[in-house]
C-alpha cells in the first residue's frame, strides 16, 4: 500500500496514462502541454533562492576560501574529463553503427525553416560573452532572470563575505538563512505533490505532438544514442565506485522518483532541488553539492555531448558525406567549446550542430533540420545521463576534498537509514534551529542590567 502512495508509483502511472492519451487522442495530448510547462515553471521559480541559500550556508560552515576555490577547480577538471569522454564515445558509436548511411537524403530537398522556429532566432554565446554573462547586471537581475551561474557567483561572494564577518552578525544571518532554507524545502515539497500531473501533461504532449511513428523513421539513430549513453553510464558507474565506493544502481534506486519525474517532463532542472537535498542526505557536504550541481548544469552536459557528436556524424552520413579523421577531430574541438553554456538557450542543440557544420564545412547547415523529428525522443537519454553525470560529480569532488561521509552514503543508499528516518533527522534539525533562534531572541530581550 505504501508503494502505491509513493511519488515514484504515481509518476509511473501518470507517464503511462500520458503516453496512452498521446497515442489514442493526439489532438488532446497536444493541448495538455500547459500542465507540464506549468509544473516546470513552479519548480524553476524556487531554484535561484534555493541555490543561493545552499551555497551561502555551505561556504559559511566550511569557513575557508581556499577550500571553496579547490572545490570549484576540481569540479571543472572532472566536468572537462567527463564531457570529453562523452564526445569521443558519441563519435565512436556513429562511426561503428553508421546510423545515417542508408538514408541517401538530397540536401536540396530539406526544409530548414523548422530550425528557426526551434531556436527562436537565438545563438550560442561566444566564449568571451559566456564568461562575461556570468557577471549579472545587478543582484536582483540574476534572480529575476533565474540565471544559475550568476546566482552562483552572487552566492559565493555573499558566503565569503559572511565568513569574514564578526561572529555575532554571522551567526544571526546564518540562522536566518538556514530557517529560510527549511521553508523553501517545504515549498518544494508542496509543489512536488503536483509532479504526477506535470509528468502526465508533458508526456501526453510529447507523444501527441511528435507521434510514435518518428521512432521507426529514426530507429537506428535513437538506438545508437541510447547505446552510447548506456556505455557511458557503465563507465561512469565504474569510475564512481573506484573513486568513492558509490553503488550506482543503489543510487538510481534511491533517486528513482526524481529520475522518473525528470524523464517524464523532459527536464533535469525540475528535480535539481530534490536531487541537491538527497545528495546532502547521502553524505555529500552541502557546500560541495551547492557548488558542483548548479555549475554542472552548464558545464557538465554529458548526455547532450554524446548526442551532439553522434548527431553531427549522422547528418553527414545521411547526405552521403564521409567525414575524414581530421574533420572529426575538428568536430570534437568545436563541440568541447560549444557544448558549454548551452543550458537555457532555446534550441541549443540545433545551434551547436549548426555551428559545428559551419566549422567543419563538409555538409550543408540546412541538413541539421533532419534531426527535428527525432530530437524530442532523445530527451530521456540526455536528461538521465546529464542528471547522473552531475550527481556522480558531486560525490567525486566531495571525496577528493575529504567532505564525503562514505559510511553514511552506504547506509542511506543500502536502506539501512530509511526515508522516514531521514525525514525525522530533517525535522529534528529544523526544530533545533528554531530553538537556537528562540534562545538568541530571549537573550537579546534581557539586558545586562536586568540580568
Protein backbone atom coordinates (compact mmCIF):
# COMPACT_ATOMS: atom_id res chain seq x y z
CA UNK A 1 0.00 0.00 0.00
CA UNK A 2 2.87 2.36 0.81
CA UNK A 3 4.33 1.73 -2.66
CA UNK A 4 1.03 2.76 -4.30
CA UNK A 5 1.14 6.01 -2.32
CA UNK A 6 4.76 6.69 -3.27
CA UNK A 7 5.65 9.51 -5.65
CA UNK A 8 7.54 7.07 -7.88
CA UNK A 9 4.45 4.91 -8.47
CA UNK A 10 2.22 7.92 -9.08
CA UNK A 11 4.62 9.35 -11.67
CA UNK A 12 4.95 5.98 -13.44
CA UNK A 13 1.16 5.70 -13.72
CA UNK A 14 0.89 9.33 -14.90
CA UNK A 15 3.53 8.78 -17.61
CA UNK A 16 1.81 5.61 -18.86
CA UNK A 17 -1.58 7.37 -19.00
CA UNK A 18 0.07 10.33 -20.76
CA UNK A 19 1.54 8.02 -23.42
CA UNK A 20 -1.86 6.40 -23.89
CA UNK A 21 -3.62 9.74 -24.30
CA UNK A 22 -0.96 10.92 -26.77
CA UNK A 23 -1.37 7.79 -28.93
CA UNK A 24 -5.18 7.50 -28.79
CA UNK A 25 -6.09 11.20 -28.82
CA UNK A 26 -3.07 13.10 -30.23
CA UNK A 27 -5.01 16.36 -30.58
CA UNK A 28 -5.99 16.24 -26.90
CA UNK A 29 -2.42 15.31 -25.96
CA UNK A 30 -1.06 18.31 -27.84
CA UNK A 31 -3.38 20.56 -25.82
CA UNK A 32 -2.06 19.30 -22.47
CA UNK A 33 1.34 20.99 -22.74
CA UNK A 34 0.42 23.70 -20.13
CA UNK A 35 0.21 21.02 -17.41
CA UNK A 36 3.86 20.06 -17.89
CA UNK A 37 5.06 23.59 -18.60
CA UNK A 38 3.24 25.00 -15.56
CA UNK A 39 4.77 22.42 -13.23
CA UNK A 40 8.27 23.10 -14.58
CA UNK A 41 7.78 26.85 -14.04
CA UNK A 42 6.65 26.24 -10.45
CA UNK A 43 9.89 24.39 -9.70
CA UNK A 44 12.11 26.83 -11.59
CA UNK A 45 10.75 29.80 -9.64
CA UNK A 46 12.29 28.41 -6.46
CA UNK A 47 15.66 27.19 -7.83
CA UNK A 48 17.54 30.53 -7.65
CA UNK A 49 16.82 31.25 -3.95
CA UNK A 50 17.47 27.60 -3.09
CA UNK A 51 20.91 27.62 -4.74
CA UNK A 52 21.77 30.92 -3.05
CA UNK A 53 20.90 29.64 0.42
CA UNK A 54 22.53 26.22 -0.01
CA UNK A 55 25.81 27.74 -1.21
CA UNK A 56 25.90 30.52 1.40
CA UNK A 57 25.31 28.14 4.31
CA UNK A 58 27.78 25.62 2.88
CA UNK A 59 30.59 28.17 2.45
CA UNK A 60 29.91 29.71 5.86
CA UNK A 61 30.25 26.32 7.52
CA UNK A 62 33.45 25.45 5.65
CA UNK A 63 34.84 28.85 6.59
CA UNK A 64 37.81 28.56 4.23
CA UNK A 65 38.04 30.47 0.95
CA UNK A 66 40.83 28.22 -0.36
CA UNK A 67 38.61 25.15 0.08
CA UNK A 68 35.84 26.78 -1.95
CA UNK A 69 38.32 27.55 -4.75
CA UNK A 70 39.61 23.98 -4.73
CA UNK A 71 36.08 22.58 -4.95
CA UNK A 72 35.34 24.75 -7.99
CA UNK A 73 38.61 23.87 -9.72
CA UNK A 74 38.24 20.13 -9.12
CA UNK A 75 34.66 20.25 -10.37
CA UNK A 76 35.73 21.93 -13.62
CA UNK A 77 38.50 19.35 -14.14
CA UNK A 78 36.03 16.48 -13.65
CA UNK A 79 33.47 18.14 -15.95
CA UNK A 80 36.02 18.51 -18.75
CA UNK A 81 37.15 14.88 -18.47
CA UNK A 82 33.57 13.56 -18.42
CA UNK A 83 32.29 15.65 -21.35
CA UNK A 84 35.36 14.83 -23.47
CA UNK A 85 34.82 11.10 -22.90
CA UNK A 86 31.13 11.56 -23.81
CA UNK A 87 32.00 13.39 -27.05
CA UNK A 88 34.56 10.76 -28.09
CA UNK A 89 32.07 8.00 -27.28
CA UNK A 90 29.43 9.65 -29.48
CA UNK A 91 31.86 9.91 -32.42
CA UNK A 92 32.98 6.31 -31.98
CA UNK A 93 29.41 5.00 -31.90
CA UNK A 94 28.45 6.97 -35.02
CA UNK A 95 31.41 5.51 -36.94
CA UNK A 96 30.73 1.98 -35.71
CA UNK A 97 26.94 1.78 -36.25
CA UNK A 98 26.69 4.33 -39.10
CA UNK A 99 23.03 5.22 -38.37
CA UNK A 100 22.66 7.66 -41.30
CA UNK A 101 24.50 5.70 -44.00
CA UNK A 102 21.40 4.27 -45.75
CA UNK A 103 19.25 7.43 -45.76
CA UNK A 104 20.64 8.97 -49.00
CA UNK A 105 19.00 12.37 -48.45
CA UNK A 106 19.28 15.09 -51.09
CA UNK A 107 20.26 18.29 -49.17
CA UNK A 108 18.37 20.48 -51.67
CA UNK A 109 15.06 18.88 -50.64
CA UNK A 110 15.42 19.69 -46.92
CA UNK A 111 13.18 22.37 -45.43
CA UNK A 112 15.32 24.19 -42.85
CA UNK A 113 12.59 26.59 -41.69
CA UNK A 114 11.89 24.43 -38.66
CA UNK A 115 15.30 25.24 -37.17
CA UNK A 116 14.44 28.95 -36.96
CA UNK A 117 11.23 28.11 -35.12
CA UNK A 118 13.09 25.75 -32.77
CA UNK A 119 15.81 28.25 -31.85
CA UNK A 120 13.70 31.45 -31.85
CA UNK A 121 16.49 33.19 -33.71
CA UNK A 122 18.90 32.76 -30.76
CA UNK A 123 22.57 31.90 -30.97
CA UNK A 124 25.05 30.27 -28.63
CA UNK A 125 27.17 32.83 -26.75
CA UNK A 126 30.83 33.08 -27.73
CA UNK A 127 33.40 32.15 -25.08
CA UNK A 128 34.09 35.75 -24.01
CA UNK A 129 30.38 36.59 -23.98
CA UNK A 130 29.65 33.47 -21.97
CA UNK A 131 32.24 34.38 -19.33
CA UNK A 132 31.04 38.00 -19.15
CA UNK A 133 27.43 36.87 -18.82
CA UNK A 134 28.31 35.12 -15.57
CA UNK A 135 28.53 38.62 -14.05
CA UNK A 136 24.96 39.88 -13.55
CA UNK A 137 23.79 43.39 -14.40
CA UNK A 138 22.56 43.56 -10.81
CA UNK A 139 22.00 41.15 -7.94
CA UNK A 140 18.24 41.44 -8.43
CA UNK A 141 18.54 40.74 -12.17
CA UNK A 142 20.39 37.46 -11.51
CA UNK A 143 17.44 36.18 -9.51
CA UNK A 144 14.82 37.70 -11.82
CA UNK A 145 16.37 36.02 -14.88
CA UNK A 146 16.88 32.75 -12.97
CA UNK A 147 20.46 32.72 -14.31
CA UNK A 148 22.06 29.92 -12.30
CA UNK A 149 25.71 30.82 -12.89
CA UNK A 150 25.03 34.45 -11.96
CA UNK A 151 23.21 33.37 -8.79
CA UNK A 152 26.15 31.06 -8.07
CA UNK A 153 28.59 33.99 -8.30
CA UNK A 154 26.46 36.19 -6.04
CA UNK A 155 26.09 33.37 -3.50
CA UNK A 156 29.85 32.70 -3.44
CA UNK A 157 30.63 36.38 -2.85
CA UNK A 158 27.98 36.62 -0.14
CA UNK A 159 29.20 33.42 1.53
CA UNK A 160 32.83 34.57 1.51
CA UNK A 161 31.82 37.95 2.93
CA UNK A 162 29.77 36.21 5.62
CA UNK A 163 32.77 34.09 6.64
CA UNK A 164 34.80 37.30 7.14
CA UNK A 165 32.04 38.92 9.22
CA UNK A 166 32.33 39.19 13.00
CA UNK A 167 30.85 36.17 14.78
CA UNK A 168 27.59 37.55 16.22
CA UNK A 169 26.34 39.01 12.94
CA UNK A 170 27.48 35.90 11.11
CA UNK A 171 25.51 33.63 13.44
CA UNK A 172 22.36 35.74 13.13
CA UNK A 173 22.45 35.87 9.32
CA UNK A 174 23.35 32.17 9.05
CA UNK A 175 20.49 31.19 11.35
CA UNK A 176 18.06 33.29 9.33
CA UNK A 177 19.19 31.79 6.01
CA UNK A 178 19.03 28.23 7.38
CA UNK A 179 15.47 28.84 8.59
CA UNK A 180 14.52 30.28 5.20
CA UNK A 181 16.11 27.23 3.54
CA UNK A 182 13.86 24.98 5.60
CA UNK A 183 10.82 26.96 4.42
CA UNK A 184 11.92 26.77 0.76
CA UNK A 185 12.38 22.99 1.02
CA UNK A 186 8.87 22.77 2.44
CA UNK A 187 7.50 24.78 -0.51
CA UNK A 188 9.26 22.36 -2.85
CA UNK A 189 7.52 19.53 -1.02
CA UNK A 190 4.15 21.15 -1.69
CA UNK A 191 4.94 21.65 -5.40
CA UNK A 192 6.14 18.05 -5.77
CA UNK A 193 2.64 16.82 -4.93
CA UNK A 194 1.71 18.10 -8.41
CA UNK A 195 4.52 16.10 -10.07
CA UNK A 196 2.27 13.33 -11.47
CA UNK A 197 0.05 15.93 -13.16
CA UNK A 198 3.10 17.65 -14.68
CA UNK A 199 4.56 14.34 -15.92
CA UNK A 200 1.19 13.33 -17.42
CA UNK A 201 0.80 16.61 -19.31
CA UNK A 202 4.39 16.63 -20.61
CA UNK A 203 4.28 13.03 -21.84
CA UNK A 204 0.83 13.35 -23.44
CA UNK A 205 2.03 16.44 -25.31
CA UNK A 206 5.26 14.81 -26.50
CA UNK A 207 3.59 11.69 -27.90
CA UNK A 208 0.59 13.61 -29.26
CA UNK A 209 2.64 16.33 -30.96
CA UNK A 210 5.52 14.27 -32.34
CA UNK A 211 3.91 10.87 -32.79
CA UNK A 212 5.28 7.39 -32.21
CA UNK A 213 5.93 6.97 -35.96
CA UNK A 214 9.12 9.02 -35.56
CA UNK A 215 10.62 6.10 -33.65
CA UNK A 216 10.63 3.89 -36.75
CA UNK A 217 11.98 6.61 -39.06
CA UNK A 218 15.00 7.32 -36.88
CA UNK A 219 15.21 3.97 -35.11
CA UNK A 220 18.93 3.33 -35.67
CA UNK A 221 19.93 6.86 -34.64
CA UNK A 222 17.88 6.61 -31.44
CA UNK A 223 19.29 3.14 -30.75
CA UNK A 224 22.85 4.41 -31.29
CA UNK A 225 22.35 7.36 -28.92
CA UNK A 226 20.85 5.23 -26.16
CA UNK A 227 23.51 2.55 -26.61
CA UNK A 228 26.32 5.11 -26.34
CA UNK A 229 24.67 6.62 -23.26
CA UNK A 230 24.38 3.20 -21.62
CA UNK A 231 28.09 2.53 -22.22
CA UNK A 232 28.96 5.96 -20.81
CA UNK A 233 26.85 5.31 -17.69
CA UNK A 234 28.61 1.97 -17.14
CA UNK A 235 31.97 3.76 -17.35
CA UNK A 236 30.67 6.49 -15.03
CA UNK A 237 29.43 3.91 -12.52
CA UNK A 238 32.80 2.12 -12.50
CA UNK A 239 34.70 5.38 -12.04
CA UNK A 240 32.37 6.41 -9.19
CA UNK A 241 32.78 3.03 -7.48
CA UNK A 242 36.58 3.15 -7.84
CA UNK A 243 36.92 6.70 -6.51
CA UNK A 244 34.17 6.90 -3.88
CA UNK A 245 32.79 3.39 -3.34
CA UNK A 246 29.40 4.56 -4.70
CA UNK A 247 26.98 1.80 -5.71
CA UNK A 248 25.46 3.39 -8.82
CA UNK A 249 22.43 1.09 -9.03
CA UNK A 250 21.59 1.77 -5.39
CA UNK A 251 21.83 5.49 -6.06
CA UNK A 252 19.45 5.23 -9.03
CA UNK A 253 17.01 3.33 -6.82
CA UNK A 254 17.42 5.95 -4.06
CA UNK A 255 16.55 8.75 -6.53
CA UNK A 256 14.05 6.81 -8.66
CA UNK A 257 11.19 9.27 -8.08
CA UNK A 258 13.32 12.21 -9.22
CA UNK A 259 14.69 10.27 -12.19
CA UNK A 260 11.21 9.30 -13.36
CA UNK A 261 9.96 12.85 -12.97
CA UNK A 262 12.91 14.25 -14.96
CA UNK A 263 12.28 11.72 -17.74
CA UNK A 264 8.53 12.37 -17.73
CA UNK A 265 8.88 16.13 -18.00
CA UNK A 266 11.99 16.09 -20.20
CA UNK A 267 13.78 18.48 -17.82
CA UNK A 268 16.56 17.77 -15.32
CA UNK A 269 16.17 21.25 -13.77
CA UNK A 270 12.78 20.20 -12.39
CA UNK A 271 14.44 17.81 -9.95
CA UNK A 272 17.51 19.90 -9.11
CA UNK A 273 16.20 20.98 -5.67
CA UNK A 274 15.25 17.44 -4.65
CA UNK A 275 18.50 15.98 -6.01
CA UNK A 276 20.58 18.50 -4.07
CA UNK A 277 18.68 17.61 -0.90
CA UNK A 278 19.12 13.86 -1.48
CA UNK A 279 22.84 14.20 -2.23
CA UNK A 280 23.30 16.08 1.06
CA UNK A 281 21.37 13.41 2.96
CA UNK A 282 23.53 10.73 1.29
CA UNK A 283 26.74 12.11 2.80
CA UNK A 284 27.87 14.84 0.36
CA UNK A 285 28.81 18.11 2.03
CA UNK A 286 26.25 20.88 1.42
CA UNK A 287 28.87 23.29 0.06
CA UNK A 288 30.09 20.73 -2.49
CA UNK A 289 26.55 19.96 -3.63
CA UNK A 290 25.71 23.66 -3.86
CA UNK A 291 28.76 24.47 -5.97
CA UNK A 292 29.03 21.36 -8.16
CA UNK A 293 25.42 20.61 -9.16
CA UNK A 294 24.33 24.06 -10.43
CA UNK A 295 27.67 24.55 -12.22
CA UNK A 296 27.26 21.14 -13.81
CA UNK A 297 24.02 22.23 -15.45
CA UNK A 298 26.12 24.49 -17.69
CA UNK A 299 29.50 22.73 -17.84
CA UNK A 300 28.73 19.01 -17.49
CA UNK A 301 26.11 18.09 -20.09
CA UNK A 302 27.28 14.52 -20.71
CA UNK A 303 24.09 13.30 -22.39
CA UNK A 304 23.97 16.34 -24.66
CA UNK A 305 27.65 15.82 -25.56
CA UNK A 306 27.00 12.22 -26.66
CA UNK A 307 24.05 13.34 -28.78
CA UNK A 308 25.84 16.29 -30.39
CA UNK A 309 28.89 14.38 -31.60
CA UNK A 310 26.87 11.37 -32.76
CA UNK A 311 24.22 13.52 -34.47
CA UNK A 312 26.83 15.57 -36.36
CA UNK A 313 28.29 12.44 -37.97
CA UNK A 314 24.76 11.08 -38.56
CA UNK A 315 23.76 14.18 -40.54
CA UNK A 316 26.90 13.93 -42.69
CA UNK A 317 26.25 10.24 -43.36
CA UNK A 318 22.58 10.95 -44.19
CA UNK A 319 23.54 13.33 -47.02
CA UNK A 320 26.21 10.96 -48.33
CA UNK A 321 29.35 12.66 -46.98
CA UNK A 322 32.17 10.70 -45.35
CA UNK A 323 34.00 12.80 -42.77
CA UNK A 324 37.78 12.50 -42.59
CA UNK A 325 39.65 11.86 -39.37
CA UNK A 326 40.78 15.50 -39.17
CA UNK A 327 37.22 16.73 -39.74
CA UNK A 328 36.04 14.58 -36.84
CA UNK A 329 38.82 15.97 -34.65
CA UNK A 330 37.55 19.45 -35.61
CA UNK A 331 34.03 18.38 -34.58
CA UNK A 332 35.38 17.24 -31.23
CA UNK A 333 37.22 20.50 -30.58
CA UNK A 334 34.29 22.70 -31.66
CA UNK A 335 31.81 20.78 -29.50
CA UNK A 336 34.14 20.90 -26.48
CA UNK A 337 33.58 24.67 -26.56
CA UNK A 338 30.03 25.00 -27.90
CA UNK A 339 28.59 22.37 -25.55
CA UNK A 340 29.43 24.63 -22.58
CA UNK A 341 26.83 27.22 -21.70
CA UNK A 342 24.04 25.55 -23.70
CA UNK A 343 21.62 25.49 -20.77
CA UNK A 344 18.77 27.95 -21.09
CA UNK A 345 19.36 28.79 -24.77
CA UNK A 346 16.30 27.88 -26.94
CA UNK A 347 17.10 25.06 -29.36
CA UNK A 348 20.70 24.97 -28.12
CA UNK A 349 21.38 21.53 -29.62
CA UNK A 350 20.50 22.79 -33.11
CA UNK A 351 22.59 25.91 -32.62
CA UNK A 352 25.59 23.84 -31.57
CA UNK A 353 25.11 21.45 -34.50
CA UNK A 354 24.76 24.35 -36.96
CA UNK A 355 27.94 25.98 -35.59
CA UNK A 356 29.77 22.67 -35.97
CA UNK A 357 28.55 22.28 -39.57
CA UNK A 358 29.92 25.73 -40.39
CA UNK A 359 33.28 24.95 -38.71
CA UNK A 360 33.73 21.61 -40.49
CA UNK A 361 32.36 22.95 -43.81
CA UNK A 362 31.71 19.42 -45.05
CA UNK A 363 27.91 19.36 -45.30
CA UNK A 364 25.14 21.98 -45.65
CA UNK A 365 23.92 23.61 -42.45
CA UNK A 366 20.35 23.02 -43.64
CA UNK A 367 20.93 19.26 -43.24
CA UNK A 368 20.73 19.72 -39.46
CA UNK A 369 16.94 20.03 -39.97
CA UNK A 370 16.89 16.24 -40.48
CA UNK A 371 17.04 15.92 -36.68
CA UNK A 372 13.90 17.96 -35.96
CA UNK A 373 11.69 14.86 -35.84
CA UNK A 374 13.97 12.71 -33.68
CA UNK A 375 15.30 15.36 -31.26
CA UNK A 376 12.46 15.18 -28.73
CA UNK A 377 12.89 11.40 -28.37
CA UNK A 378 16.49 11.94 -27.29
CA UNK A 379 15.40 13.86 -24.19
CA UNK A 380 15.12 10.77 -21.99
CA UNK A 381 18.72 9.84 -22.76
CA UNK A 382 20.04 13.38 -22.38
CA UNK A 383 18.13 14.13 -19.18
CA UNK A 384 19.06 10.91 -17.38
CA UNK A 385 22.72 10.99 -18.45
CA UNK A 386 23.12 14.70 -17.60
CA UNK A 387 21.47 14.14 -14.22
CA UNK A 388 23.56 11.13 -13.24
CA UNK A 389 26.74 12.82 -14.50
CA UNK A 390 26.20 15.79 -12.19
CA UNK A 391 25.31 13.63 -9.19
CA UNK A 392 28.41 11.45 -9.62
CA UNK A 393 30.49 14.63 -9.98
CA UNK A 394 29.22 15.80 -6.57
CA UNK A 395 30.26 12.50 -4.95
CA UNK A 396 33.68 12.52 -6.65
CA UNK A 397 34.54 16.13 -5.77
CA UNK A 398 33.31 15.63 -2.20
CA UNK A 399 35.59 12.59 -1.89
CA UNK A 400 38.58 14.48 -3.33
CA UNK A 401 38.01 17.24 -0.76
CA UNK A 402 37.53 14.84 2.16
CA UNK A 403 33.93 16.07 2.50
CA UNK A 404 32.14 12.80 1.74
CA UNK A 405 30.75 10.73 4.61
CA UNK A 406 31.16 7.32 2.97
CA UNK A 407 29.71 5.44 5.92
CA UNK A 408 26.53 7.49 5.76
CA UNK A 409 26.47 7.20 1.94
CA UNK A 410 26.47 3.41 2.13
CA UNK A 411 23.88 3.36 4.93
CA UNK A 412 21.47 5.65 3.09
CA UNK A 413 21.81 4.02 -0.32
CA UNK A 414 21.51 0.48 1.05
CA UNK A 415 18.39 1.42 3.01
CA UNK A 416 19.92 0.98 6.47
CA UNK A 417 18.78 4.55 7.08
CA UNK A 418 15.18 4.71 5.79
CA UNK A 419 13.41 7.63 4.16
CA UNK A 420 11.33 8.03 7.32
CA UNK A 421 14.49 8.30 9.43
CA UNK A 422 15.92 10.90 7.05
CA UNK A 423 12.69 12.88 7.36
CA UNK A 424 12.88 12.70 11.16
CA UNK A 425 16.50 13.87 11.05
CA UNK A 426 15.48 16.85 8.93
CA UNK A 427 12.61 17.75 11.25
CA UNK A 428 14.90 17.45 14.29
CA UNK A 429 17.48 19.75 12.65
CA UNK A 430 14.80 22.34 11.88
CA UNK A 431 13.48 22.11 15.44
CA UNK A 432 17.00 22.64 16.80
CA UNK A 433 17.48 25.69 14.58
CA UNK A 434 14.17 27.10 15.79
CA UNK A 435 15.14 26.50 19.42
CA UNK A 436 18.54 28.18 18.94
CA UNK A 437 16.88 31.17 17.31
CA UNK A 438 14.38 31.48 20.18
CA UNK A 439 17.21 31.31 22.73
CA UNK A 440 19.12 34.08 20.94
CA UNK A 441 16.00 36.24 20.77
CA UNK A 442 15.43 35.65 24.50
CA UNK A 443 19.00 36.73 25.34
CA UNK A 444 18.58 39.84 23.22
CA UNK A 445 15.45 40.86 25.17
CA UNK A 446 17.15 40.53 28.56
CA UNK A 447 19.53 43.47 29.01
CA UNK A 448 22.79 43.20 31.01
CA UNK A 449 21.33 45.45 33.73
CA UNK A 450 18.27 43.21 34.16
CA UNK A 451 20.41 40.08 34.33
